[in-house]
Amino acid sequence: MGSVDQGDSPLSPTPEQSPEALREALLALAGLPDESPALPAHLRTIVALSAAVVGPVDFASVTVSAAGGPRTEAASADAAEEIDLAQYAEDGGPCLAALRSATTVGVPDLAGVVVWPGFRDVAWRYGVRASLSIPLFAGSGAPIAGLNLYARDASAMRPLIQRVESCYTGDSAATTRLDAGSEQLLAGLAEALRCRDLVQRALGVLMDRENVAVGPAYRRLVDATTSGTSLTGTASAILRQHLN
């Protein structure tokens, strides 16, 4: 990619970007069908907002699976994409681990990384000292992307790593108050996980009621959802009908 300026920002923040917009973008993503043509735009928005409003984050990117292997769908700076590419080259690193395992992968101290030397060396060259990769879900509940957050200040990043990991595990022990952008990231992730749970419950109802597997049940849920609306609304309606 040639010379990379750490200040380069292909996804420049716009005046209307705010912490609340990040929460809303994460929630909207959770209600989209996995195959929605709107997915790339939502992922680009989440990357731009994460880099712009989450306090400890200097660079952000998002990794998706593709036919030719993983690729970076969007990056807030060339540095983030270069760090991603180092992980793809060695087929290992936090971004791939998060996408493949559907769990968060935090690296609170880059200096201690021994299993992913390519990732460590490139990230260190760009001044990154800590990172956090977060699986993102759309309607089916399977991970469709990994959000990668890169930070120069490891001490500032550690509380965010702890809070996000607690959000995904359901552990409420980590309660350190963070900056407004980080809190909105956490709120969006928590709401997205609740939406995923709601959709999964609705799929269970369809599977039982119509004696179909999860794949056809998901297809019926998508088909029953009006274009431009959220799958979570349809899922809520199915659950209400089931309770009645």
C-alpha atoms as a PDB file:
ATOM      1  CA  MET A   1       0.000   0.000   0.000  1.00  0.00           C
ATOM      2  CA  GLY A   2       3.040   2.259   0.036  1.00  0.00           C
ATOM      3  CA  SER A   3       3.750   4.840   2.679  1.00  0.00           C
ATOM      4  CA  VAL A   4       1.141   5.032   5.390  1.00  0.00           C
ATOM      5  CA  ASP A   5       0.448   8.147   7.400  1.00  0.00           C
ATOM      6  CA  GLN A   6      -0.920   7.383  10.849  1.00  0.00           C
ATOM      7  CA  GLY A   7      -3.131  10.429  10.503  1.00  0.00           C
ATOM      8  CA  ASP A   8      -4.767   9.209   7.266  1.00  0.00           C
ATOM      9  CA  SER A   9      -8.493   8.703   7.804  1.00  0.00           C
ATOM     10  CA  PRO A  10     -10.399   7.274   4.813  1.00  0.00           C
ATOM     11  CA  LEU A  11     -13.534   7.296   6.955  1.00  0.00           C
ATOM     12  CA  SER A  12     -13.496  10.872   8.163  1.00  0.00           C
ATOM     13  CA  PRO A  13     -15.923  11.772  10.970  1.00  0.00           C
ATOM     14  CA  THR A  14     -18.839  13.968   9.994  1.00  0.00           C
ATOM     15  CA  PRO A  15     -20.366  16.672  12.213  1.00  0.00           C
ATOM     16  CA  GLU A  16     -23.472  14.625  12.995  1.00  0.00           C
ATOM     17  CA  GLN A  17     -21.476  11.719  14.396  1.00  0.00           C
ATOM     18  CA  SER A  18     -22.086  11.264  18.102  1.00  0.00           C
ATOM     19  CA  PRO A  19     -21.784   8.575  20.772  1.00  0.00           C
ATOM     20  CA  GLU A  20     -25.538   7.951  20.490  1.00  0.00           C
ATOM     21  CA  ALA A  21     -25.159   7.334  16.753  1.00  0.00           C
ATOM     22  CA  LEU A  22     -22.750   4.472  17.486  1.00  0.00           C
ATOM     23  CA  ARG A  23     -25.276   2.762  19.755  1.00  0.00           C
ATOM     24  CA  GLU A  24     -27.992   3.184  17.133  1.00  0.00           C
ATOM     25  CA  ALA A  25     -25.779   1.806  14.345  1.00  0.00           C
ATOM     26  CA  LEU A  26     -24.926  -1.328  16.322  1.00  0.00           C
ATOM     27  CA  LEU A  27     -28.582  -1.895  17.148  1.00  0.00           C
ATOM     28  CA  ALA A  28     -29.634  -1.399  13.516  1.00  0.00           C
ATOM     29  CA  LEU A  29     -27.027  -3.923  12.346  1.00  0.00           C
ATOM     30  CA  ALA A  30     -28.441  -6.583  14.664  1.00  0.00           C
ATOM     31  CA  GLY A  31     -31.864  -6.279  13.016  1.00  0.00           C
ATOM     32  CA  LEU A  32     -30.655  -6.652   9.415  1.00  0.00           C
ATOM     33  CA  PRO A  33     -30.776  -9.919   7.457  1.00  0.00           C
ATOM     34  CA  ASP A  34     -27.297 -11.370   6.981  1.00  0.00           C
ATOM     35  CA  GLU A  35     -27.591 -10.916   3.214  1.00  0.00           C
ATOM     36  CA  SER A  36     -28.885  -7.331   3.344  1.00  0.00           C
ATOM     37  CA  PRO A  37     -27.248  -5.020   0.785  1.00  0.00           C
ATOM     38  CA  ALA A  38     -27.210  -2.379   3.544  1.00  0.00           C
ATOM     39  CA  LEU A  39     -24.672  -4.336   5.622  1.00  0.00           C
ATOM     40  CA  PRO A  40     -21.477  -2.792   4.152  1.00  0.00           C
ATOM     41  CA  ALA A  41     -22.728   0.751   4.739  1.00  0.00           C
ATOM     42  CA  HIS A  42     -23.664  -0.074   8.348  1.00  0.00           C
ATOM     43  CA  LEU A  43     -20.233  -1.604   8.950  1.00  0.00           C
ATOM     44  CA  ARG A  44     -18.499   1.462   7.519  1.00  0.00           C
ATOM     45  CA  THR A  45     -20.558   3.690   9.800  1.00  0.00           C
ATOM     46  CA  ILE A  46     -19.692   1.611  12.864  1.00  0.00           C
ATOM     47  CA  VAL A  47     -15.975   1.787  12.031  1.00  0.00           C
ATOM     48  CA  ALA A  48     -16.022   5.550  11.485  1.00  0.00           C
ATOM     49  CA  LEU A  49     -17.962   6.178  14.683  1.00  0.00           C
ATOM     50  CA  SER A  50     -15.808   3.822  16.763  1.00  0.00           C
ATOM     51  CA  ALA A  51     -12.661   5.672  15.735  1.00  0.00           C
ATOM     52  CA  ALA A  52     -14.288   9.075  16.188  1.00  0.00           C
ATOM     53  CA  VAL A  53     -16.079   8.774  19.544  1.00  0.00           C
ATOM     54  CA  VAL A  54     -14.630   5.865  21.576  1.00  0.00           C
ATOM     55  CA  GLY A  55     -12.033   7.502  23.806  1.00  0.00           C
ATOM     56  CA  PRO A  56      -9.179   4.967  23.892  1.00  0.00           C
ATOM     57  CA  VAL A  57      -9.422   4.032  20.204  1.00  0.00           C
ATOM     58  CA  ASP A  58      -6.957   5.488  17.709  1.00  0.00           C
ATOM     59  CA  PHE A  59      -7.738   3.257  14.716  1.00  0.00           C
ATOM     60  CA  ALA A  60     -10.652   0.986  13.853  1.00  0.00           C
ATOM     61  CA  SER A  61     -11.481  -1.514  11.127  1.00  0.00           C
ATOM     62  CA  VAL A  62     -13.896  -4.320  10.403  1.00  0.00           C
ATOM     63  CA  THR A  63     -13.025  -7.786   9.092  1.00  0.00           C
ATOM     64  CA  VAL A  64     -15.457  -9.890   7.062  1.00  0.00           C
ATOM     65  CA  SER A  65     -15.243 -13.364   5.543  1.00  0.00           C
ATOM     66  CA  ALA A  66     -15.130 -13.562   1.755  1.00  0.00           C
ATOM     67  CA  ALA A  67     -14.739 -16.274  -0.888  1.00  0.00           C
ATOM     68  CA  GLY A  68     -11.052 -15.485  -1.268  1.00  0.00           C
ATOM     69  CA  GLY A  69     -10.408 -15.263   2.464  1.00  0.00           C
ATOM     70  CA  PRO A  70     -10.902 -12.582   5.133  1.00  0.00           C
ATOM     71  CA  ARG A  71     -10.782  -8.963   4.069  1.00  0.00           C
ATOM     72  CA  THR A  72     -11.111  -5.533   5.617  1.00  0.00           C
ATOM     73  CA  GLU A  73     -14.509  -4.071   4.715  1.00  0.00           C
ATOM     74  CA  ALA A  74     -13.659  -0.654   6.151  1.00  0.00           C
ATOM     75  CA  ALA A  75     -10.833   1.032   8.045  1.00  0.00           C
ATOM     76  CA  SER A  76     -10.589   4.429   9.725  1.00  0.00           C
ATOM     77  CA  ALA A  77      -6.918   4.742   8.759  1.00  0.00           C
ATOM     78  CA  ASP A  78      -4.388   2.967   6.567  1.00  0.00           C
ATOM     79  CA  ALA A  79      -2.626   1.824   9.733  1.00  0.00           C
ATOM     80  CA  ALA A  80      -5.660  -0.245  10.766  1.00  0.00           C
ATOM     81  CA  GLU A  81      -5.804  -1.978   7.394  1.00  0.00           C
ATOM     82  CA  GLU A  82      -2.083  -2.727   7.475  1.00  0.00           C
ATOM     83  CA  ILE A  83      -2.466  -4.345  10.901  1.00  0.00           C
ATOM     84  CA  ASP A  84      -5.384  -6.406   9.589  1.00  0.00           C
ATOM     85  CA  LEU A  85      -3.399  -7.500   6.532  1.00  0.00           C
ATOM     86  CA  ALA A  86      -0.582  -8.762   8.756  1.00  0.00           C
ATOM     87  CA  GLN A  87      -3.101 -11.039  10.468  1.00  0.00           C
ATOM     88  CA  TYR A  88      -4.525 -12.332   7.197  1.00  0.00           C
ATOM     89  CA  ALA A  89      -0.991 -13.068   5.972  1.00  0.00           C
ATOM     90  CA  GLU A  90      -0.251 -15.365   8.918  1.00  0.00           C
ATOM     91  CA  ASP A  91      -3.858 -16.614   9.142  1.00  0.00           C
ATOM     92  CA  GLY A  92      -3.981 -15.644  12.791  1.00  0.00           C
ATOM     93  CA  GLY A  93      -4.566 -12.711  15.091  1.00  0.00           C
ATOM     94  CA  PRO A  94      -7.276 -11.206  17.269  1.00  0.00           C
ATOM     95  CA  CYS A  95      -9.478 -10.091  14.355  1.00  0.00           C
ATOM     96  CA  LEU A  96      -9.636 -13.607  12.889  1.00  0.00           C
ATOM     97  CA  ALA A  97      -9.981 -15.256  16.289  1.00  0.00           C
ATOM     98  CA  ALA A  98     -12.980 -13.055  17.162  1.00  0.00           C
ATOM     99  CA  LEU A  99     -14.692 -13.670  13.823  1.00  0.00           C
ATOM    100  CA  ARG A 100     -14.138 -17.423  13.941  1.00  0.00           C
ATOM    101  CA  SER A 101     -14.920 -18.026  17.608  1.00  0.00           C
ATOM    102  CA  ALA A 102     -17.776 -15.490  18.017  1.00  0.00           C
ATOM    103  CA  THR A 103     -16.084 -14.248  21.194  1.00  0.00           C
ATOM    104  CA  THR A 104     -14.265 -11.030  22.029  1.00  0.00           C
ATOM    105  CA  VAL A 105     -10.474 -11.113  21.832  1.00  0.00           C
ATOM    106  CA  GLY A 106      -8.699  -8.469  23.866  1.00  0.00           C
ATOM    107  CA  VAL A 107      -4.963  -7.818  23.802  1.00  0.00           C
ATOM    108  CA  PRO A 108      -4.305  -5.527  26.796  1.00  0.00           C
ATOM    109  CA  ASP A 109      -0.517  -5.572  26.328  1.00  0.00           C
ATOM    110  CA  LEU A 110       0.860  -6.044  22.825  1.00  0.00           C
ATOM    111  CA  ALA A 111       4.381  -6.515  24.128  1.00  0.00           C
ATOM    112  CA  GLY A 112       3.354  -9.835  25.631  1.00  0.00           C
ATOM    113  CA  VAL A 113       1.975 -11.323  22.406  1.00  0.00           C
ATOM    114  CA  VAL A 114       3.951 -14.377  21.242  1.00  0.00           C
ATOM    115  CA  VAL A 115       1.421 -16.396  19.207  1.00  0.00           C
ATOM    116  CA  TRP A 116       0.826 -13.762  16.483  1.00  0.00           C
ATOM    117  CA  PRO A 117       4.241 -12.225  15.704  1.00  0.00           C
ATOM    118  CA  GLY A 118       3.150 -10.713  12.389  1.00  0.00           C
ATOM    119  CA  PHE A 119       0.274  -8.880  14.037  1.00  0.00           C
ATOM    120  CA  ARG A 120       2.458  -7.791  16.968  1.00  0.00           C
ATOM    121  CA  ASP A 121       5.298  -6.422  14.850  1.00  0.00           C
ATOM    122  CA  VAL A 122       3.165  -4.428  12.413  1.00  0.00           C
ATOM    123  CA  ALA A 123       0.907  -3.076  15.153  1.00  0.00           C
ATOM    124  CA  TRP A 124       3.929  -2.045  17.225  1.00  0.00           C
ATOM    125  CA  ARG A 125       5.371  -0.194  14.240  1.00  0.00           C
ATOM    126  CA  TYR A 126       2.233   1.959  14.140  1.00  0.00           C
ATOM    127  CA  GLY A 127       2.408   2.694  17.847  1.00  0.00           C
ATOM    128  CA  VAL A 128      -0.435   0.339  18.799  1.00  0.00           C
ATOM    129  CA  ARG A 129      -0.027  -1.079  22.295  1.00  0.00           C
ATOM    130  CA  ALA A 130      -3.427  -2.750  22.856  1.00  0.00           C
ATOM    131  CA  SER A 131      -6.329  -4.004  20.770  1.00  0.00           C
ATOM    132  CA  LEU A 132      -9.826  -5.380  21.035  1.00  0.00           C
ATOM    133  CA  SER A 133     -11.667  -7.401  18.391  1.00  0.00           C
ATOM    134  CA  ILE A 134     -15.422  -7.814  18.786  1.00  0.00           C
ATOM    135  CA  PRO A 135     -17.699 -10.200  16.846  1.00  0.00           C
ATOM    136  CA  LEU A 136     -20.673  -8.436  15.284  1.00  0.00           C
ATOM    137  CA  PHE A 137     -23.946 -10.188  14.485  1.00  0.00           C
ATOM    138  CA  ALA A 138     -26.795  -9.565  12.077  1.00  0.00           C
ATOM    139  CA  GLY A 139     -30.182 -11.272  11.931  1.00  0.00           C
ATOM    140  CA  SER A 140     -29.239 -14.954  11.890  1.00  0.00           C
ATOM    141  CA  GLY A 141     -27.140 -14.653  15.047  1.00  0.00           C
ATOM    142  CA  ALA A 142     -23.957 -15.911  13.386  1.00  0.00           C
ATOM    143  CA  PRO A 143     -20.961 -13.544  13.363  1.00  0.00           C
ATOM    144  CA  ILE A 144     -20.845 -11.576  10.120  1.00  0.00           C
ATOM    145  CA  ALA A 145     -17.877  -9.338  10.965  1.00  0.00           C
ATOM    146  CA  GLY A 146     -15.210  -8.569  13.518  1.00  0.00           C
ATOM    147  CA  LEU A 147     -14.836  -4.980  14.736  1.00  0.00           C
ATOM    148  CA  ASN A 148     -11.173  -4.219  15.455  1.00  0.00           C
ATOM    149  CA  LEU A 149     -10.232  -1.417  17.826  1.00  0.00           C
ATOM    150  CA  TYR A 150      -6.569  -0.386  18.053  1.00  0.00           C
ATOM    151  CA  ALA A 151      -5.118   1.868  20.759  1.00  0.00           C
ATOM    152  CA  ARG A 152      -1.781   3.525  21.439  1.00  0.00           C
ATOM    153  CA  ASP A 153      -2.496   3.839  25.171  1.00  0.00           C
ATOM    154  CA  ALA A 154      -2.729   0.364  26.719  1.00  0.00           C
ATOM    155  CA  SER A 155      -3.744   1.615  30.164  1.00  0.00           C
ATOM    156  CA  ALA A 156      -6.708   3.509  28.697  1.00  0.00           C
ATOM    157  CA  MET A 157      -7.761   0.479  26.660  1.00  0.00           C
ATOM    158  CA  ARG A 158      -7.772  -2.081  29.494  1.00  0.00           C
ATOM    159  CA  PRO A 159     -11.049  -0.947  31.158  1.00  0.00           C
ATOM    160  CA  LEU A 160     -12.803  -0.988  27.779  1.00  0.00           C
ATOM    161  CA  ILE A 161     -11.551  -4.520  27.097  1.00  0.00           C
ATOM    162  CA  GLN A 162     -12.827  -5.652  30.501  1.00  0.00           C
ATOM    163  CA  ARG A 163     -16.243  -4.045  30.040  1.00  0.00           C
ATOM    164  CA  VAL A 164     -16.776  -5.430  26.530  1.00  0.00           C
ATOM    165  CA  GLU A 165     -15.700  -8.915  27.584  1.00  0.00           C
ATOM    166  CA  SER A 166     -18.136  -8.715  30.512  1.00  0.00           C
ATOM    167  CA  CYS A 167     -20.902  -7.621  28.150  1.00  0.00           C
ATOM    168  CA  TYR A 168     -20.438 -10.732  26.002  1.00  0.00           C
ATOM    169  CA  THR A 169     -20.102 -13.147  28.917  1.00  0.00           C
ATOM    170  CA  GLY A 170     -22.955 -11.666  30.947  1.00  0.00           C
ATOM    171  CA  ASP A 171     -20.607 -10.931  33.857  1.00  0.00           C
ATOM    172  CA  SER A 172     -21.581  -7.693  35.613  1.00  0.00           C
ATOM    173  CA  ALA A 173     -18.441  -7.505  37.750  1.00  0.00           C
ATOM    174  CA  ALA A 174     -16.675  -4.932  35.533  1.00  0.00           C
ATOM    175  CA  THR A 175     -18.366  -1.605  36.251  1.00  0.00           C
ATOM    176  CA  THR A 176     -15.645   0.997  35.661  1.00  0.00           C
ATOM    177  CA  ARG A 177     -17.249   4.130  34.224  1.00  0.00           C
ATOM    178  CA  LEU A 178     -15.829   5.027  30.811  1.00  0.00           C
ATOM    179  CA  ASP A 179     -16.016   7.978  28.424  1.00  0.00           C
ATOM    180  CA  ALA A 180     -19.300   8.710  26.631  1.00  0.00           C
ATOM    181  CA  GLY A 181     -18.274   7.035  23.376  1.00  0.00           C
ATOM    182  CA  SER A 182     -17.156   3.852  25.125  1.00  0.00           C
ATOM    183  CA  GLU A 183     -20.388   3.727  27.118  1.00  0.00           C
ATOM    184  CA  GLN A 184     -22.411   4.040  23.916  1.00  0.00           C
ATOM    185  CA  LEU A 185     -20.365   1.270  22.294  1.00  0.00           C
ATOM    186  CA  LEU A 186     -21.191  -0.922  25.279  1.00  0.00           C
ATOM    187  CA  ALA A 187     -24.862   0.053  25.215  1.00  0.00           C
ATOM    188  CA  GLY A 188     -25.088  -0.746  21.510  1.00  0.00           C
ATOM    189  CA  LEU A 189     -23.395  -4.110  21.932  1.00  0.00           C
ATOM    190  CA  ALA A 190     -25.639  -5.033  24.874  1.00  0.00           C
ATOM    191  CA  GLU A 191     -28.800  -4.075  22.968  1.00  0.00           C
ATOM    192  CA  ALA A 192     -27.612  -5.950  19.888  1.00  0.00           C
ATOM    193  CA  LEU A 193     -27.061  -9.078  21.976  1.00  0.00           C
ATOM    194  CA  ARG A 194     -30.572  -8.754  23.401  1.00  0.00           C
ATOM    195  CA  CYS A 195     -31.940  -8.467  19.863  1.00  0.00           C
ATOM    196  CA  ARG A 196     -30.019 -11.578  18.879  1.00  0.00           C
ATOM    197  CA  ASP A 197     -31.574 -13.450  21.805  1.00  0.00           C
ATOM    198  CA  LEU A 198     -35.066 -12.261  20.819  1.00  0.00           C
ATOM    199  CA  VAL A 199     -34.611 -13.411  17.207  1.00  0.00           C
ATOM    200  CA  GLN A 200     -33.263 -16.785  18.331  1.00  0.00           C
ATOM    201  CA  ARG A 201     -36.310 -17.287  20.540  1.00  0.00           C
ATOM    202  CA  ALA A 202     -38.599 -16.460  17.620  1.00  0.00           C
ATOM    203  CA  LEU A 203     -36.727 -18.906  15.401  1.00  0.00           C
ATOM    204  CA  GLY A 204     -37.258 -21.572  18.053  1.00  0.00           C
ATOM    205  CA  VAL A 205     -41.007 -20.891  17.964  1.00  0.00           C
ATOM    206  CA  LEU A 206     -41.089 -21.180  14.159  1.00  0.00           C
ATOM    207  CA  MET A 207     -39.076 -24.400  14.251  1.00  0.00           C
ATOM    208  CA  ASP A 208     -41.477 -25.979  16.748  1.00  0.00           C
ATOM    209  CA  ARG A 209     -44.664 -24.625  15.209  1.00  0.00           C
ATOM    210  CA  GLU A 210     -43.840 -25.444  11.596  1.00  0.00           C
ATOM    211  CA  ASN A 211     -41.560 -28.444  12.168  1.00  0.00           C
ATOM    212  CA  VAL A 212     -38.662 -26.977  10.192  1.00  0.00           C
ATOM    213  CA  ALA A 213     -34.938 -26.653  10.740  1.00  0.00           C
ATOM    214  CA  VAL A 214     -33.279 -23.386  11.719  1.00  0.00           C
ATOM    215  CA  GLY A 215     -32.342 -22.485   8.128  1.00  0.00           C
ATOM    216  CA  PRO A 216     -35.903 -22.547   6.756  1.00  0.00           C
ATOM    217  CA  ALA A 217     -37.181 -20.882   9.934  1.00  0.00           C
ATOM    218  CA  TYR A 218     -34.758 -17.996   9.442  1.00  0.00           C
ATOM    219  CA  ARG A 219     -35.768 -17.712   5.787  1.00  0.00           C
ATOM    220  CA  ARG A 220     -39.437 -17.456   6.790  1.00  0.00           C
ATOM    221  CA  LEU A 221     -38.604 -14.782   9.338  1.00  0.00           C
ATOM    222  CA  VAL A 222     -36.778 -12.749   6.674  1.00  0.00           C
ATOM    223  CA  ASP A 223     -39.597 -13.221   4.152  1.00  0.00           C
ATOM    224  CA  ALA A 224     -42.137 -12.036   6.723  1.00  0.00           C
ATOM    225  CA  THR A 225     -40.193  -8.824   7.371  1.00  0.00           C
ATOM    226  CA  THR A 226     -41.065  -5.809   5.265  1.00  0.00           C
ATOM    227  CA  SER A 227     -38.134  -4.344   3.363  1.00  0.00           C
ATOM    228  CA  GLY A 228     -36.486  -1.555   5.330  1.00  0.00           C
ATOM    229  CA  THR A 229     -37.759  -2.764   8.696  1.00  0.00           C
ATOM    230  CA  SER A 230     -35.985  -4.689  11.450  1.00  0.00           C
ATOM    231  CA  LEU A 231     -36.121  -8.451  11.894  1.00  0.00           C
ATOM    232  CA  THR A 232     -36.517  -7.822  15.618  1.00  0.00           C
ATOM    233  CA  GLY A 233     -39.964  -6.318  15.046  1.00  0.00           C
ATOM    234  CA  THR A 234     -41.106  -9.452  13.221  1.00  0.00           C
ATOM    235  CA  ALA A 235     -39.533 -11.634  15.908  1.00  0.00           C
ATOM    236  CA  SER A 236     -41.382  -9.707  18.632  1.00  0.00           C
ATOM    237  CA  ALA A 237     -44.688 -10.189  16.789  1.00  0.00           C
ATOM    238  CA  ILE A 238     -44.071 -13.949  16.501  1.00  0.00           C
ATOM    239  CA  LEU A 239     -43.344 -14.209  20.211  1.00  0.00           C
ATOM    240  CA  ARG A 240     -46.480 -12.235  21.094  1.00  0.00           C
ATOM    241  CA  GLN A 241     -48.574 -14.566  18.957  1.00  0.00           C
ATOM    242  CA  HIS A 242     -46.957 -17.560  20.609  1.00  0.00           C
ATOM    243  CA  LEU A 243     -47.749 -16.257  24.094  1.00  0.00           C
ATOM    244  CA  ASN A 244     -51.377 -15.718  23.101  1.00  0.00           C
END
